[in-house]
Amino acid sequence: VHVGSWEEAPCGAFIDQGPWITDAVARFAAAGAKRIGLVGAYAPNPGYKRFWEAYEQATRNAGLPPERMAAFYHGQGASAGRRVAAELLALSPRERPAALVVIDDRIANGLTAELAAANGYRPALAVQINRQAPLTLALPVRAYELDIDAMAEVSVKILLRRMRDP
């Protein structure tokens, strides 16, 4: 957790997703994945700058060329995940990523349900999961748990400290 707006304003809190994305990409690359896709909510924009930059840096660190990067985004929630699944299934098997890093379990819920029903395409999946209210996913995933209660406590402490000593 960092204090700031989405990027640099002096208030609020946001999650740095870089460490888990970096770990997921490194693990997938070490396992032999040559094409690792990113499933986000939105196209690159200032609000998701750290998310996209972490993915781009992690793929470079893994030695994967830019043309091997594959990004999919269709909004938030399970319906967005279903749209991503449809896009993936429309690709030829050769074009489909061997692994996917998914921004959250809500998108992963729809994504995994559609891929499980389609029978055949089973990418390795890494998903950020909300530990307090985990969703059931239709395919196995490498879960990166997010403890929102602990994050809230840390955020409040950081914000109070910053208010006392800006």
Protein backbone atom coordinates (compact mmCIF):
# COMPACT_ATOMS: atom_id res chain seq x y z
CA VAL A 1 0.00 0.00 0.00
CA HIS A 2 1.23 3.45 -0.86
CA VAL A 3 -0.25 6.77 0.16
CA GLY A 4 -1.25 9.02 -2.68
CA SER A 5 -4.01 9.22 -5.20
CA TRP A 6 -3.80 6.79 -8.08
CA GLU A 7 -0.45 8.29 -8.81
CA GLU A 8 0.96 11.28 -6.96
CA ALA A 9 -1.61 13.40 -5.07
CA PRO A 10 -0.89 13.84 -1.33
CA CYS A 11 -3.93 11.92 -0.04
CA GLY A 12 -5.67 8.56 -0.39
CA ALA A 13 -4.12 5.11 -0.71
CA PHE A 14 -3.55 2.70 -3.55
CA ILE A 15 -2.18 -0.79 -4.00
CA ASP A 16 1.15 -1.39 -5.67
CA GLN A 17 0.45 -4.53 -7.70
CA GLY A 18 3.97 -4.65 -9.06
CA PRO A 19 5.43 -7.26 -6.67
CA TRP A 20 2.84 -9.96 -7.34
CA ILE A 21 2.82 -9.32 -11.09
CA THR A 22 6.60 -9.53 -11.17
CA ASP A 23 6.53 -12.77 -9.19
CA ALA A 24 3.81 -14.31 -11.38
CA VAL A 25 5.55 -13.45 -14.67
CA ALA A 26 8.90 -14.72 -13.36
CA ARG A 27 7.36 -18.02 -12.27
CA PHE A 28 5.54 -18.51 -15.57
CA ALA A 29 8.66 -17.68 -17.59
CA ALA A 30 10.75 -20.04 -15.46
CA ALA A 31 8.18 -22.77 -16.17
CA GLY A 32 8.67 -22.20 -19.91
CA ALA A 33 5.79 -19.87 -20.85
CA LYS A 34 6.84 -17.90 -23.92
CA ARG A 35 3.67 -15.80 -24.15
CA ILE A 36 2.23 -14.37 -20.95
CA GLY A 37 -0.94 -12.32 -21.18
CA LEU A 38 -2.20 -9.62 -18.87
CA VAL A 39 -5.91 -9.36 -18.10
CA GLY A 40 -6.73 -5.93 -16.72
CA ALA A 41 -9.86 -3.87 -16.34
CA TYR A 42 -8.87 -1.03 -18.65
CA ALA A 43 -6.35 -0.09 -21.28
CA PRO A 44 -3.20 1.64 -20.02
CA ASN A 45 -4.14 4.91 -18.32
CA PRO A 46 -2.81 6.96 -15.40
CA GLY A 47 -4.98 5.10 -12.89
CA TYR A 48 -3.43 1.76 -13.78
CA LYS A 49 0.05 2.98 -14.66
CA ARG A 50 1.84 0.89 -12.03
CA PHE A 51 -0.09 -2.24 -13.03
CA TRP A 52 0.89 -1.96 -16.70
CA GLU A 53 4.45 -0.84 -16.01
CA ALA A 54 5.01 -3.78 -13.65
CA TYR A 55 3.85 -6.20 -16.35
CA GLU A 56 6.00 -4.60 -19.03
CA GLN A 57 9.07 -4.60 -16.77
CA ALA A 58 8.49 -8.18 -15.65
CA THR A 59 8.22 -9.44 -19.23
CA ARG A 60 11.43 -7.59 -20.15
CA ASN A 61 13.15 -9.10 -17.09
CA ALA A 62 11.99 -12.54 -18.25
CA GLY A 63 13.54 -11.91 -21.66
CA LEU A 64 10.21 -11.95 -23.47
CA PRO A 65 10.16 -9.60 -26.46
CA PRO A 66 7.41 -6.95 -26.71
CA GLU A 67 5.66 -8.80 -29.53
CA ARG A 68 5.11 -11.67 -27.08
CA MET A 69 3.10 -9.40 -24.77
CA ALA A 70 -0.65 -9.81 -24.94
CA ALA A 71 -3.07 -7.55 -23.08
CA PHE A 72 -6.81 -8.09 -22.70
CA TYR A 73 -9.24 -5.69 -21.05
CA HIS A 74 -12.99 -5.32 -21.22
CA GLY A 75 -13.96 -3.54 -17.98
CA GLN A 76 -14.63 -4.89 -14.51
CA GLY A 77 -16.47 -7.88 -13.09
CA ALA A 78 -17.35 -11.38 -14.24
CA SER A 79 -18.94 -10.13 -17.47
CA ALA A 80 -15.62 -8.54 -18.46
CA GLY A 81 -13.90 -11.86 -17.77
CA ARG A 82 -16.36 -13.62 -20.07
CA ARG A 83 -15.59 -11.10 -22.82
CA VAL A 84 -11.85 -11.67 -22.35
CA ALA A 85 -12.43 -15.44 -22.59
CA ALA A 86 -14.34 -14.97 -25.86
CA GLU A 87 -11.46 -12.89 -27.23
CA LEU A 88 -8.90 -15.53 -26.19
CA LEU A 89 -10.94 -18.39 -27.64
CA ALA A 90 -11.27 -16.49 -30.94
CA LEU A 91 -7.47 -16.54 -31.30
CA SER A 92 -5.76 -19.45 -32.99
CA PRO A 93 -4.27 -21.91 -30.47
CA ARG A 94 -0.78 -20.73 -31.50
CA GLU A 95 -1.63 -17.11 -30.64
CA ARG A 96 -3.10 -17.82 -27.21
CA PRO A 97 -0.95 -17.00 -24.18
CA ALA A 98 0.33 -19.99 -22.20
CA ALA A 99 -0.22 -18.04 -18.99
CA LEU A 100 -2.38 -15.14 -17.84
CA VAL A 101 -1.91 -12.62 -15.04
CA VAL A 102 -5.40 -11.46 -14.00
CA ILE A 103 -5.91 -8.19 -12.09
CA ASP A 104 -8.62 -9.52 -9.77
CA ASP A 105 -10.83 -12.44 -8.83
CA ARG A 106 -14.03 -10.79 -10.12
CA ILE A 107 -12.71 -10.77 -13.68
CA ALA A 108 -11.16 -14.22 -13.13
CA ASN A 109 -14.57 -15.56 -12.07
CA GLY A 110 -16.10 -15.00 -15.51
CA LEU A 111 -12.89 -15.81 -17.36
CA THR A 112 -12.37 -19.19 -15.73
CA ALA A 113 -16.04 -20.15 -16.04
CA GLU A 114 -15.97 -19.58 -19.80
CA LEU A 115 -12.61 -21.28 -20.33
CA ALA A 116 -13.70 -24.30 -18.28
CA ALA A 117 -16.90 -24.61 -20.31
CA ALA A 118 -14.99 -24.34 -23.59
CA ASN A 119 -12.91 -27.45 -22.84
CA GLY A 120 -9.44 -27.33 -24.27
CA TYR A 121 -7.63 -24.05 -23.55
CA ARG A 122 -6.13 -24.17 -20.06
CA PRO A 123 -3.62 -21.38 -19.51
CA ALA A 124 -1.73 -21.12 -16.23
CA LEU A 125 -3.42 -18.38 -14.20
CA ALA A 126 -2.22 -15.93 -11.55
CA VAL A 127 -4.96 -13.93 -9.85
CA GLN A 128 -5.15 -11.26 -7.18
CA ILE A 129 -7.70 -12.58 -4.68
CA ASN A 130 -9.54 -10.64 -1.99
CA ARG A 131 -8.92 -12.82 1.08
CA GLN A 132 -11.95 -11.48 2.98
CA ALA A 133 -14.44 -12.46 0.24
CA PRO A 134 -12.80 -14.93 -2.15
CA LEU A 135 -14.75 -16.02 -5.20
CA THR A 136 -14.93 -19.59 -6.39
CA LEU A 137 -13.06 -19.97 -9.66
CA ALA A 138 -13.70 -22.72 -12.22
CA LEU A 139 -10.02 -23.42 -12.95
CA PRO A 140 -6.95 -23.73 -10.70
CA VAL A 141 -5.07 -20.48 -10.15
CA ARG A 142 -1.98 -19.24 -8.38
CA ALA A 143 -3.63 -16.94 -5.86
CA TYR A 144 -2.01 -13.74 -4.66
CA GLU A 145 -4.07 -12.85 -1.60
CA LEU A 146 -4.94 -9.28 -0.79
CA ASP A 147 -5.80 -8.69 2.88
CA ILE A 148 -7.95 -5.57 2.65
CA ASP A 149 -8.43 -5.29 6.42
CA ALA A 150 -4.68 -5.16 7.03
CA MET A 151 -4.28 -2.74 4.13
CA ALA A 152 -6.97 -0.46 5.56
CA GLU A 153 -5.22 -0.35 8.94
CA VAL A 154 -1.85 0.45 7.37
CA SER A 155 -3.42 3.07 5.11
CA VAL A 156 -5.09 4.87 8.00
CA LYS A 157 -1.83 4.90 9.98
CA ILE A 158 0.10 6.28 7.02
CA LEU A 159 -2.56 8.91 6.31
CA LEU A 160 -2.72 10.03 9.95
CA ARG A 161 1.07 10.31 10.08
CA ARG A 162 1.04 12.33 6.87
CA MET A 163 -1.69 14.65 8.17
CA ARG A 164 0.33 15.34 11.32
CA ASP A 165 3.56 15.87 9.42
CA PRO A 166 2.87 16.72 5.76
